[in-house]
Amino acid sequence: MNRVVHPIEQESFRRLRARLDTSHLAPLTRAVVERVIHSAADLEYADDLVMDESTLEKAHAALHAGAPVVVDVEMVAAGITRRETVCRLKDAVAGPGLTRSAHAVRLAYEQVGPGALWVIGCAPTALEELLALDVSPALVIGLPVGFVGAAESKAALRESGLPAVSNVSEKGGSAVAAAALNALLYTPLSHPDAHPEEKL
């Protein structure tokens, strides 16, 4: 089913592109960069995000083939409206050396197994736990926010060699993490170079 793009969103993307030239980016990279910037009204993400087009292509195919989507918090889930997500935070319990967010990652992995897309937008400890487990993900969108552990956990994600979308700075958050996943969802499988927002 094709997604209907609201005129306000079309105008927002038009203004974004008037201020930032993204035409040189590969299709899925461009989609992620633009949607993250759109979600935060922050052009600095263009130089802050780290991703690889071939990784995005594989993740895009897995997502459209029905791979599970796991999120760290309900705020991320709320931003992903076109796909059911798994969030086990309500079932998680903190313990010695284990945050609720980290326990939620363990519970989610027990539920979905390998091959899922993981979207971490809030808790650095969730991303750290994900890296400690052998989850064999289709993609990790690691964009937690904060002054304690966020940048470090994202650096560890990049060093892990896992297929990932991350950013270098402390910023991030639920909205931008959901936006990165939505960029892949909104791009049709048959037309990876399509940008529906361009049809003004």
N, C-alpha and C. Protein backbone atom coordinates (compact mmCIF):
# COMPACT_ATOMS: atom_id res chain seq x y z
N MET A 1 0.83 -1.19 0.00
CA MET A 1 0.00 0.00 0.00
C MET A 1 0.88 1.25 0.00
N ASN A 2 0.60 2.14 -0.94
CA ASN A 2 1.37 3.37 -1.03
C ASN A 2 1.03 4.31 0.12
N ARG A 3 2.03 4.99 0.61
CA ARG A 3 1.84 5.94 1.70
C ARG A 3 1.47 7.30 1.12
N VAL A 4 0.43 7.90 1.66
CA VAL A 4 0.00 9.23 1.23
C VAL A 4 0.79 10.26 2.03
N VAL A 5 1.49 11.13 1.32
CA VAL A 5 2.34 12.13 1.97
C VAL A 5 1.55 13.43 2.12
N HIS A 6 1.45 13.91 3.36
CA HIS A 6 0.69 15.13 3.64
C HIS A 6 1.41 16.34 3.03
N PRO A 7 0.65 17.33 2.56
CA PRO A 7 1.27 18.53 1.97
C PRO A 7 2.25 19.24 2.90
N ILE A 8 1.99 19.23 4.20
CA ILE A 8 2.92 19.87 5.14
C ILE A 8 4.26 19.13 5.14
N GLU A 9 4.20 17.79 5.10
CA GLU A 9 5.44 17.01 5.05
C GLU A 9 6.18 17.27 3.73
N GLN A 10 5.44 17.36 2.63
CA GLN A 10 6.07 17.67 1.35
C GLN A 10 6.80 19.00 1.41
N GLU A 11 6.15 20.00 1.97
CA GLU A 11 6.76 21.32 2.07
C GLU A 11 7.96 21.31 3.01
N SER A 12 7.87 20.53 4.07
CA SER A 12 8.99 20.43 5.01
C SER A 12 10.22 19.85 4.32
N PHE A 13 10.02 18.80 3.53
CA PHE A 13 11.15 18.20 2.81
C PHE A 13 11.67 19.15 1.73
N ARG A 14 10.77 19.88 1.11
CA ARG A 14 11.23 20.86 0.10
C ARG A 14 12.15 21.89 0.75
N ARG A 15 11.74 22.39 1.90
CA ARG A 15 12.57 23.39 2.60
C ARG A 15 13.88 22.78 3.10
N LEU A 16 13.81 21.54 3.56
CA LEU A 16 15.04 20.86 3.99
C LEU A 16 16.03 20.80 2.83
N ARG A 17 15.55 20.37 1.66
CA ARG A 17 16.44 20.23 0.50
C ARG A 17 16.91 21.57 -0.03
N ALA A 18 16.15 22.63 0.23
CA ALA A 18 16.60 23.96 -0.17
C ALA A 18 17.78 24.42 0.68
N ARG A 19 17.89 23.89 1.87
CA ARG A 19 18.97 24.27 2.79
C ARG A 19 20.12 23.27 2.81
N LEU A 20 19.86 22.05 2.33
CA LEU A 20 20.89 21.01 2.37
C LEU A 20 20.78 20.15 1.12
N ASP A 21 21.86 20.07 0.36
CA ASP A 21 21.87 19.25 -0.85
C ASP A 21 22.16 17.81 -0.48
N THR A 22 21.17 16.96 -0.64
CA THR A 22 21.34 15.53 -0.35
C THR A 22 21.35 14.69 -1.62
N SER A 23 21.35 15.33 -2.78
CA SER A 23 21.19 14.61 -4.04
C SER A 23 22.37 13.69 -4.35
N HIS A 24 23.51 13.92 -3.73
CA HIS A 24 24.69 13.09 -3.99
C HIS A 24 24.68 11.79 -3.20
N LEU A 25 23.78 11.68 -2.22
CA LEU A 25 23.74 10.50 -1.37
C LEU A 25 23.07 9.33 -2.08
N ALA A 26 23.51 8.11 -1.73
CA ALA A 26 22.85 6.92 -2.26
C ALA A 26 21.41 6.86 -1.75
N PRO A 27 20.51 6.18 -2.47
CA PRO A 27 19.07 6.30 -2.20
C PRO A 27 18.64 6.04 -0.75
N LEU A 28 19.02 4.91 -0.18
CA LEU A 28 18.56 4.61 1.17
C LEU A 28 19.28 5.46 2.21
N THR A 29 20.54 5.76 1.97
CA THR A 29 21.26 6.66 2.87
C THR A 29 20.59 8.02 2.87
N ARG A 30 20.24 8.49 1.68
CA ARG A 30 19.54 9.78 1.58
C ARG A 30 18.22 9.75 2.33
N ALA A 31 17.48 8.66 2.18
CA ALA A 31 16.19 8.54 2.84
C ALA A 31 16.33 8.62 4.36
N VAL A 32 17.33 7.92 4.90
CA VAL A 32 17.54 7.92 6.35
C VAL A 32 18.00 9.30 6.82
N VAL A 33 18.99 9.87 6.14
CA VAL A 33 19.50 11.18 6.54
C VAL A 33 18.39 12.22 6.53
N GLU A 34 17.63 12.26 5.45
CA GLU A 34 16.58 13.27 5.35
C GLU A 34 15.48 13.08 6.39
N ARG A 35 15.08 11.84 6.64
CA ARG A 35 13.98 11.64 7.58
C ARG A 35 14.44 11.90 9.01
N VAL A 36 15.68 11.58 9.34
CA VAL A 36 16.21 11.90 10.67
C VAL A 36 16.27 13.42 10.85
N ILE A 37 16.79 14.12 9.86
CA ILE A 37 16.85 15.58 9.93
C ILE A 37 15.44 16.16 10.05
N HIS A 38 14.53 15.64 9.27
CA HIS A 38 13.14 16.10 9.30
C HIS A 38 12.53 15.92 10.69
N SER A 39 12.84 14.80 11.34
CA SER A 39 12.23 14.51 12.64
C SER A 39 12.73 15.43 13.74
N ALA A 40 13.95 15.95 13.57
CA ALA A 40 14.58 16.77 14.62
C ALA A 40 14.78 18.22 14.21
N ALA A 41 14.51 18.55 12.95
CA ALA A 41 14.80 19.89 12.40
C ALA A 41 16.24 20.28 12.71
N ASP A 42 17.15 19.31 12.52
CA ASP A 42 18.55 19.49 12.88
C ASP A 42 19.43 19.06 11.72
N LEU A 43 19.92 20.04 10.97
CA LEU A 43 20.74 19.76 9.79
C LEU A 43 22.09 19.14 10.13
N GLU A 44 22.52 19.26 11.38
CA GLU A 44 23.83 18.72 11.76
C GLU A 44 23.87 17.20 11.64
N TYR A 45 22.72 16.55 11.64
CA TYR A 45 22.73 15.09 11.48
C TYR A 45 23.34 14.66 10.16
N ALA A 46 23.36 15.53 9.18
CA ALA A 46 23.94 15.17 7.88
C ALA A 46 25.40 14.77 8.02
N ASP A 47 26.10 15.40 8.94
CA ASP A 47 27.51 15.09 9.16
C ASP A 47 27.74 14.19 10.36
N ASP A 48 26.68 13.89 11.12
CA ASP A 48 26.80 13.14 12.36
C ASP A 48 26.46 11.66 12.19
N LEU A 49 25.57 11.36 11.25
CA LEU A 49 25.13 9.98 11.05
C LEU A 49 26.19 9.15 10.35
N VAL A 50 26.24 7.87 10.70
CA VAL A 50 27.18 6.92 10.11
C VAL A 50 26.40 5.70 9.64
N MET A 51 26.51 5.39 8.34
CA MET A 51 25.82 4.22 7.80
C MET A 51 26.45 3.85 6.47
N ASP A 52 26.05 2.69 5.96
CA ASP A 52 26.59 2.16 4.72
C ASP A 52 25.43 1.72 3.83
N GLU A 53 25.45 2.12 2.57
CA GLU A 53 24.33 1.84 1.68
C GLU A 53 24.08 0.35 1.50
N SER A 54 25.12 -0.45 1.36
CA SER A 54 24.91 -1.88 1.16
C SER A 54 24.27 -2.52 2.38
N THR A 55 24.65 -2.05 3.56
CA THR A 55 24.02 -2.53 4.79
C THR A 55 22.55 -2.17 4.81
N LEU A 56 22.23 -0.93 4.42
CA LEU A 56 20.85 -0.49 4.39
C LEU A 56 20.03 -1.29 3.38
N GLU A 57 20.62 -1.63 2.26
CA GLU A 57 19.91 -2.42 1.24
C GLU A 57 19.50 -3.78 1.79
N LYS A 58 20.42 -4.44 2.50
CA LYS A 58 20.12 -5.76 3.08
C LYS A 58 19.06 -5.63 4.17
N ALA A 59 19.18 -4.59 5.00
CA ALA A 59 18.20 -4.39 6.07
C ALA A 59 16.84 -4.05 5.51
N HIS A 60 16.82 -3.24 4.45
CA HIS A 60 15.58 -2.84 3.77
C HIS A 60 14.86 -4.08 3.25
N ALA A 61 15.61 -4.99 2.63
CA ALA A 61 15.02 -6.22 2.12
C ALA A 61 14.48 -7.08 3.26
N ALA A 62 15.23 -7.19 4.34
CA ALA A 62 14.78 -7.99 5.48
C ALA A 62 13.52 -7.40 6.10
N LEU A 63 13.49 -6.09 6.24
CA LEU A 63 12.34 -5.40 6.82
C LEU A 63 11.09 -5.65 6.00
N HIS A 64 11.20 -5.50 4.68
CA HIS A 64 10.05 -5.67 3.81
C HIS A 64 9.68 -7.14 3.61
N ALA A 65 10.57 -8.03 4.03
CA ALA A 65 10.25 -9.46 4.01
C ALA A 65 9.60 -9.90 5.32
N GLY A 66 9.46 -8.96 6.26
CA GLY A 66 8.75 -9.27 7.49
C GLY A 66 9.59 -9.52 8.71
N ALA A 67 10.86 -9.17 8.68
CA ALA A 67 11.72 -9.36 9.85
C ALA A 67 11.16 -8.58 11.05
N PRO A 68 11.27 -9.14 12.25
CA PRO A 68 10.76 -8.45 13.44
C PRO A 68 11.49 -7.13 13.69
N VAL A 69 10.78 -6.18 14.28
CA VAL A 69 11.36 -4.90 14.68
C VAL A 69 11.27 -4.80 16.20
N VAL A 70 12.41 -4.65 16.84
CA VAL A 70 12.48 -4.55 18.30
C VAL A 70 12.89 -3.14 18.68
N VAL A 71 12.19 -2.55 19.65
CA VAL A 71 12.50 -1.20 20.11
C VAL A 71 12.84 -1.23 21.59
N ASP A 72 13.60 -0.23 22.04
CA ASP A 72 13.99 -0.23 23.45
C ASP A 72 12.93 0.39 24.35
N VAL A 73 12.14 1.33 23.84
CA VAL A 73 11.13 2.00 24.66
C VAL A 73 9.86 2.22 23.84
N GLU A 74 8.75 2.43 24.54
CA GLU A 74 7.47 2.64 23.87
C GLU A 74 7.45 3.93 23.05
N MET A 75 8.27 4.90 23.44
CA MET A 75 8.32 6.14 22.66
C MET A 75 8.82 5.88 21.24
N VAL A 76 9.77 4.96 21.09
CA VAL A 76 10.23 4.58 19.75
C VAL A 76 9.11 3.85 19.02
N ALA A 77 8.45 2.93 19.72
CA ALA A 77 7.35 2.19 19.11
C ALA A 77 6.25 3.12 18.62
N ALA A 78 5.97 4.17 19.39
CA ALA A 78 4.91 5.12 19.02
C ALA A 78 5.22 5.84 17.72
N GLY A 79 6.50 5.98 17.40
CA GLY A 79 6.90 6.66 16.18
C GLY A 79 6.91 5.77 14.95
N ILE A 80 6.75 4.47 15.16
CA ILE A 80 6.76 3.51 14.05
C ILE A 80 5.32 3.02 13.89
N THR A 81 4.58 3.65 13.00
CA THR A 81 3.14 3.41 12.93
C THR A 81 2.73 2.39 11.87
N ARG A 82 3.66 2.03 10.99
CA ARG A 82 3.30 1.13 9.89
C ARG A 82 3.82 -0.29 10.08
N ARG A 83 4.26 -0.60 11.28
CA ARG A 83 4.76 -1.96 11.55
C ARG A 83 4.61 -2.25 13.04
N GLU A 84 4.17 -3.45 13.35
CA GLU A 84 4.15 -3.89 14.75
C GLU A 84 5.58 -4.01 15.26
N THR A 85 5.78 -3.65 16.51
CA THR A 85 7.11 -3.73 17.10
C THR A 85 7.07 -4.54 18.39
N VAL A 86 8.23 -4.98 18.80
CA VAL A 86 8.38 -5.70 20.07
C VAL A 86 9.09 -4.78 21.05
N CYS A 87 8.47 -4.56 22.21
CA CYS A 87 9.09 -3.80 23.29
C CYS A 87 8.80 -4.53 24.59
N ARG A 88 9.84 -4.98 25.29
CA ARG A 88 9.65 -5.78 26.49
C ARG A 88 9.98 -5.01 27.77
N LEU A 89 10.04 -3.69 27.67
CA LEU A 89 10.44 -2.89 28.83
C LEU A 89 9.48 -3.07 30.00
N LYS A 90 8.19 -3.20 29.72
CA LYS A 90 7.21 -3.36 30.80
C LYS A 90 7.42 -4.65 31.58
N ASP A 91 7.99 -5.65 30.92
CA ASP A 91 8.21 -6.95 31.56
C ASP A 91 9.57 -7.06 32.25
N ALA A 92 10.42 -6.06 32.02
CA ALA A 92 11.80 -6.14 32.49
C ALA A 92 11.93 -5.70 33.95
N VAL A 93 12.96 -6.23 34.58
CA VAL A 93 13.24 -5.92 35.99
C VAL A 93 14.72 -5.61 36.13
N ALA A 94 15.02 -4.51 36.79
CA ALA A 94 16.43 -4.18 37.04
C ALA A 94 17.00 -5.11 38.11
N GLY A 95 18.28 -5.37 37.99
CA GLY A 95 18.97 -6.20 38.98
C GLY A 95 20.38 -5.70 39.16
N PRO A 96 21.17 -6.37 40.00
CA PRO A 96 22.57 -5.96 40.19
C PRO A 96 23.33 -5.94 38.87
N GLY A 97 23.81 -4.77 38.49
CA GLY A 97 24.57 -4.64 37.25
C GLY A 97 23.74 -4.77 35.99
N LEU A 98 22.41 -4.69 36.12
CA LEU A 98 21.54 -4.86 34.95
C LEU A 98 20.39 -3.86 35.04
N THR A 99 20.32 -2.94 34.07
CA THR A 99 19.21 -1.99 34.04
C THR A 99 17.97 -2.66 33.46
N ARG A 100 16.81 -2.03 33.66
CA ARG A 100 15.58 -2.55 33.06
C ARG A 100 15.69 -2.59 31.55
N SER A 101 16.31 -1.57 30.97
CA SER A 101 16.46 -1.53 29.52
C SER A 101 17.30 -2.68 29.00
N ALA A 102 18.36 -3.01 29.74
CA ALA A 102 19.21 -4.13 29.34
C ALA A 102 18.46 -5.45 29.47
N HIS A 103 17.72 -5.61 30.56
CA HIS A 103 16.93 -6.84 30.73
C HIS A 103 15.87 -6.96 29.64
N ALA A 104 15.28 -5.83 29.24
CA ALA A 104 14.28 -5.85 28.17
C ALA A 104 14.88 -6.36 26.87
N VAL A 105 16.13 -6.00 26.60
CA VAL A 105 16.81 -6.49 25.40
C VAL A 105 16.94 -8.02 25.47
N ARG A 106 17.31 -8.53 26.63
CA ARG A 106 17.42 -9.99 26.78
C ARG A 106 16.08 -10.67 26.53
N LEU A 107 15.03 -10.12 27.11
CA LEU A 107 13.70 -10.70 26.93
C LEU A 107 13.26 -10.65 25.47
N ALA A 108 13.54 -9.54 24.82
CA ALA A 108 13.16 -9.39 23.42
C ALA A 108 13.91 -10.38 22.54
N TYR A 109 15.20 -10.56 22.81
CA TYR A 109 15.97 -11.50 21.99
C TYR A 109 15.46 -12.93 22.18
N GLU A 110 15.08 -13.27 23.41
CA GLU A 110 14.50 -14.61 23.64
C GLU A 110 13.23 -14.79 22.82
N GLN A 111 12.51 -13.70 22.60
CA GLN A 111 11.26 -13.76 21.86
C GLN A 111 11.46 -13.81 20.35
N VAL A 112 12.36 -12.97 19.81
CA VAL A 112 12.46 -12.84 18.35
C VAL A 112 13.61 -13.61 17.73
N GLY A 113 14.67 -13.89 18.48
CA GLY A 113 15.81 -14.60 17.92
C GLY A 113 16.61 -13.75 16.94
N PRO A 114 17.47 -14.39 16.14
CA PRO A 114 18.33 -13.65 15.20
C PRO A 114 17.54 -13.09 14.02
N GLY A 115 18.15 -12.11 13.34
CA GLY A 115 17.57 -11.59 12.10
C GLY A 115 16.62 -10.43 12.26
N ALA A 116 16.49 -9.89 13.46
CA ALA A 116 15.58 -8.76 13.69
C ALA A 116 16.26 -7.43 13.40
N LEU A 117 15.45 -6.40 13.26
CA LEU A 117 15.95 -5.03 13.22
C LEU A 117 15.73 -4.43 14.60
N TRP A 118 16.79 -3.93 15.21
CA TRP A 118 16.75 -3.37 16.56
C TRP A 118 16.85 -1.85 16.46
N VAL A 119 15.94 -1.17 17.16
CA VAL A 119 15.88 0.29 17.11
C VAL A 119 16.04 0.82 18.53
N ILE A 120 17.22 1.34 18.82
CA ILE A 120 17.55 1.82 20.17
C ILE A 120 17.64 3.34 20.11
N GLY A 121 16.69 4.02 20.78
CA GLY A 121 16.65 5.47 20.72
C GLY A 121 16.74 6.16 22.06
N CYS A 122 16.77 5.39 23.13
CA CYS A 122 16.71 6.01 24.45
C CYS A 122 17.88 5.60 25.34
N ALA A 123 18.04 4.31 25.54
CA ALA A 123 18.92 3.82 26.61
C ALA A 123 20.25 3.29 26.09
N PRO A 124 21.37 3.95 26.42
CA PRO A 124 22.68 3.40 26.07
C PRO A 124 22.89 1.99 26.62
N THR A 125 22.33 1.70 27.81
CA THR A 125 22.52 0.36 28.39
C THR A 125 21.83 -0.71 27.57
N ALA A 126 20.75 -0.35 26.88
CA ALA A 126 20.10 -1.30 25.98
C ALA A 126 21.03 -1.64 24.82
N LEU A 127 21.68 -0.63 24.27
CA LEU A 127 22.61 -0.86 23.17
C LEU A 127 23.81 -1.66 23.65
N GLU A 128 24.32 -1.35 24.84
CA GLU A 128 25.45 -2.09 25.39
C GLU A 128 25.09 -3.57 25.58
N GLU A 129 23.89 -3.83 26.08
CA GLU A 129 23.45 -5.22 26.28
C GLU A 129 23.31 -5.93 24.94
N LEU A 130 22.78 -5.24 23.96
CA LEU A 130 22.63 -5.81 22.63
C LEU A 130 23.98 -6.24 22.07
N LEU A 131 25.00 -5.41 22.30
CA LEU A 131 26.34 -5.73 21.81
C LEU A 131 26.95 -6.91 22.57
N ALA A 132 26.53 -7.10 23.81
CA ALA A 132 27.06 -8.20 24.61
C ALA A 132 26.46 -9.53 24.23
N LEU A 133 25.27 -9.49 23.64
CA LEU A 133 24.60 -10.72 23.20
C LEU A 133 24.97 -11.01 21.75
N ASP A 134 24.84 -12.26 21.35
CA ASP A 134 25.11 -12.64 19.96
C ASP A 134 23.78 -12.68 19.22
N VAL A 135 23.26 -11.48 18.89
CA VAL A 135 21.89 -11.41 18.37
C VAL A 135 21.79 -11.59 16.85
N SER A 136 22.90 -11.50 16.13
CA SER A 136 22.89 -11.64 14.67
C SER A 136 21.77 -10.82 14.04
N PRO A 137 21.82 -9.50 14.19
CA PRO A 137 20.72 -8.65 13.71
C PRO A 137 20.77 -8.41 12.21
N ALA A 138 19.59 -8.08 11.64
CA ALA A 138 19.56 -7.59 10.27
C ALA A 138 20.08 -6.15 10.24
N LEU A 139 19.81 -5.41 11.32
CA LEU A 139 20.27 -4.03 11.44
C LEU A 139 20.12 -3.59 12.89
N VAL A 140 21.04 -2.77 13.35
CA VAL A 140 20.89 -2.09 14.63
C VAL A 140 20.88 -0.59 14.35
N ILE A 141 19.75 0.04 14.62
CA ILE A 141 19.68 1.50 14.59
C ILE A 141 19.99 1.95 16.01
N GLY A 142 21.21 2.38 16.21
CA GLY A 142 21.68 2.75 17.54
C GLY A 142 21.81 4.25 17.65
N LEU A 143 20.76 4.89 18.14
CA LEU A 143 20.75 6.35 18.26
C LEU A 143 20.29 6.80 19.66
N PRO A 144 20.82 6.16 20.71
CA PRO A 144 20.44 6.61 22.06
C PRO A 144 20.99 8.01 22.33
N VAL A 145 20.34 8.70 23.25
CA VAL A 145 20.67 10.09 23.54
C VAL A 145 21.16 10.19 24.98
N GLY A 146 22.06 11.13 25.23
CA GLY A 146 22.46 11.38 26.61
C GLY A 146 23.92 11.72 26.76
N PHE A 147 24.25 12.29 27.91
CA PHE A 147 25.62 12.68 28.19
C PHE A 147 26.43 11.55 28.84
N VAL A 148 25.73 10.50 29.31
CA VAL A 148 26.42 9.38 29.97
C VAL A 148 26.23 8.12 29.13
N GLY A 149 27.27 7.70 28.47
CA GLY A 149 27.26 6.42 27.78
C GLY A 149 26.73 6.40 26.37
N ALA A 150 26.05 7.46 25.94
CA ALA A 150 25.43 7.41 24.62
C ALA A 150 26.47 7.38 23.50
N ALA A 151 27.35 8.37 23.48
CA ALA A 151 28.37 8.41 22.43
C ALA A 151 29.26 7.18 22.49
N GLU A 152 29.57 6.74 23.72
CA GLU A 152 30.46 5.58 23.88
C GLU A 152 29.80 4.30 23.36
N SER A 153 28.50 4.14 23.66
CA SER A 153 27.82 2.92 23.21
C SER A 153 27.70 2.91 21.68
N LYS A 154 27.53 4.08 21.08
CA LYS A 154 27.44 4.15 19.62
C LYS A 154 28.80 3.90 18.97
N ALA A 155 29.86 4.36 19.61
CA ALA A 155 31.20 4.05 19.11
C ALA A 155 31.46 2.55 19.18
N ALA A 156 31.01 1.92 20.26
CA ALA A 156 31.17 0.47 20.40
C ALA A 156 30.37 -0.27 19.35
N LEU A 157 29.21 0.24 19.01
CA LEU A 157 28.41 -0.36 17.94
C LEU A 157 29.16 -0.32 16.62
N ARG A 158 29.74 0.82 16.29
CA ARG A 158 30.49 0.92 15.03
C ARG A 158 31.70 -0.01 15.03
N GLU A 159 32.35 -0.14 16.18
CA GLU A 159 33.53 -1.00 16.28
C GLU A 159 33.16 -2.49 16.22
N SER A 160 31.90 -2.81 16.52
CA SER A 160 31.48 -4.22 16.58
C SER A 160 31.42 -4.88 15.22
N GLY A 161 31.27 -4.09 14.17
CA GLY A 161 31.13 -4.65 12.84
C GLY A 161 29.72 -5.09 12.50
N LEU A 162 28.77 -4.90 13.42
CA LEU A 162 27.39 -5.26 13.13
C LEU A 162 26.80 -4.28 12.11
N PRO A 163 25.83 -4.72 11.32
CA PRO A 163 25.16 -3.80 10.40
C PRO A 163 24.42 -2.74 11.20
N ALA A 164 24.72 -1.48 10.94
CA ALA A 164 24.23 -0.46 11.86
C ALA A 164 24.00 0.89 11.20
N VAL A 165 23.13 1.66 11.86
CA VAL A 165 23.00 3.10 11.68
C VAL A 165 23.30 3.71 13.03
N SER A 166 24.22 4.65 13.09
CA SER A 166 24.54 5.30 14.36
C SER A 166 24.88 6.76 14.09
N ASN A 167 25.22 7.46 15.16
CA ASN A 167 25.76 8.81 15.00
C ASN A 167 26.86 9.01 16.02
N VAL A 168 27.68 10.01 15.77
CA VAL A 168 28.91 10.18 16.55
C VAL A 168 28.67 10.92 17.86
N SER A 169 27.78 11.90 17.85
CA SER A 169 27.61 12.77 19.01
C SER A 169 26.71 12.16 20.08
N GLU A 170 26.50 12.93 21.17
CA GLU A 170 25.64 12.47 22.26
C GLU A 170 24.16 12.53 21.89
N LYS A 171 23.83 13.32 20.86
CA LYS A 171 22.40 13.49 20.56
C LYS A 171 21.84 12.25 19.88
N GLY A 172 20.53 12.21 19.86
CA GLY A 172 19.80 11.07 19.32
C GLY A 172 18.40 11.14 19.88
N GLY A 173 17.82 10.01 20.21
CA GLY A 173 16.52 10.00 20.84
C GLY A 173 15.49 9.16 20.11
N SER A 174 14.36 9.00 20.76
CA SER A 174 13.31 8.13 20.24
C SER A 174 12.80 8.57 18.88
N ALA A 175 12.60 9.88 18.70
CA ALA A 175 12.05 10.37 17.43
C ALA A 175 12.99 10.11 16.26
N VAL A 176 14.28 10.35 16.45
CA VAL A 176 15.21 10.16 15.35
C VAL A 176 15.44 8.67 15.07
N ALA A 177 15.42 7.85 16.10
CA ALA A 177 15.58 6.41 15.90
C ALA A 177 14.39 5.85 15.12
N ALA A 178 13.18 6.26 15.52
CA ALA A 178 12.00 5.83 14.78
C ALA A 178 12.04 6.34 13.34
N ALA A 179 12.52 7.56 13.16
CA ALA A 179 12.60 8.14 11.82
C ALA A 179 13.52 7.33 10.91
N ALA A 180 14.63 6.87 11.45
CA ALA A 180 15.57 6.08 10.66
C ALA A 180 14.92 4.79 10.18
N LEU A 181 14.17 4.14 11.07
CA LEU A 181 13.47 2.92 10.68
C LEU A 181 12.36 3.24 9.67
N ASN A 182 11.63 4.32 9.92
CA ASN A 182 10.55 4.70 9.00
C ASN A 182 11.07 5.00 7.60
N ALA A 183 12.28 5.55 7.51
CA ALA A 183 12.85 5.83 6.20
C ALA A 183 12.95 4.55 5.37
N LEU A 184 13.31 3.45 6.02
CA LEU A 184 13.38 2.17 5.32
C LEU A 184 11.99 1.61 5.05
N LEU A 185 11.08 1.79 5.98
CA LEU A 185 9.71 1.32 5.79
C LEU A 185 9.00 2.05 4.65
N TYR A 186 9.21 3.36 4.59
CA TYR A 186 8.49 4.18 3.63
C TYR A 186 9.04 4.06 2.21
N THR A 187 10.24 3.52 2.07
CA THR A 187 10.82 3.35 0.74
C THR A 187 10.36 2.01 0.18
N PRO A 188 9.61 2.00 -0.91
CA PRO A 188 9.08 0.74 -1.45
C PRO A 188 10.20 -0.22 -1.84
N LEU A 189 9.93 -1.48 -1.68
CA LEU A 189 10.93 -2.49 -2.01
C LEU A 189 11.27 -2.47 -3.49
N SER A 190 10.29 -2.20 -4.34
CA SER A 190 10.52 -2.23 -5.79
C SER A 190 11.15 -0.95 -6.31
N HIS A 191 11.15 0.10 -5.48
CA HIS A 191 11.68 1.38 -5.92
C HIS A 191 12.56 2.00 -4.83
N PRO A 192 13.75 1.41 -4.59
CA PRO A 192 14.58 1.93 -3.50
C PRO A 192 15.07 3.35 -3.71
N ASP A 193 14.98 3.85 -4.95
CA ASP A 193 15.42 5.23 -5.21
C ASP A 193 14.25 6.21 -5.16
N ALA A 194 13.07 5.73 -4.78
CA ALA A 194 11.90 6.59 -4.75
C ALA A 194 11.92 7.50 -3.53
N HIS A 195 11.52 8.73 -3.75
CA HIS A 195 11.39 9.70 -2.66
C HIS A 195 10.01 10.33 -2.78
N PRO A 196 9.00 9.72 -2.11
CA PRO A 196 7.63 10.21 -2.30
C PRO A 196 7.44 11.68 -1.93
N GLU A 197 8.28 12.20 -1.03
CA GLU A 197 8.15 13.59 -0.63
C GLU A 197 8.50 14.56 -1.77
N GLU A 198 9.17 14.04 -2.79
CA GLU A 198 9.58 14.91 -3.90
C GLU A 198 8.42 15.22 -4.86
N LYS A 199 7.35 14.46 -4.76
CA LYS A 199 6.24 14.65 -5.69
C LYS A 199 5.39 15.83 -5.21
N LEU A 200 5.92 17.01 -5.42
CA LEU A 200 5.27 18.22 -4.91
C LEU A 200 4.22 18.71 -5.89
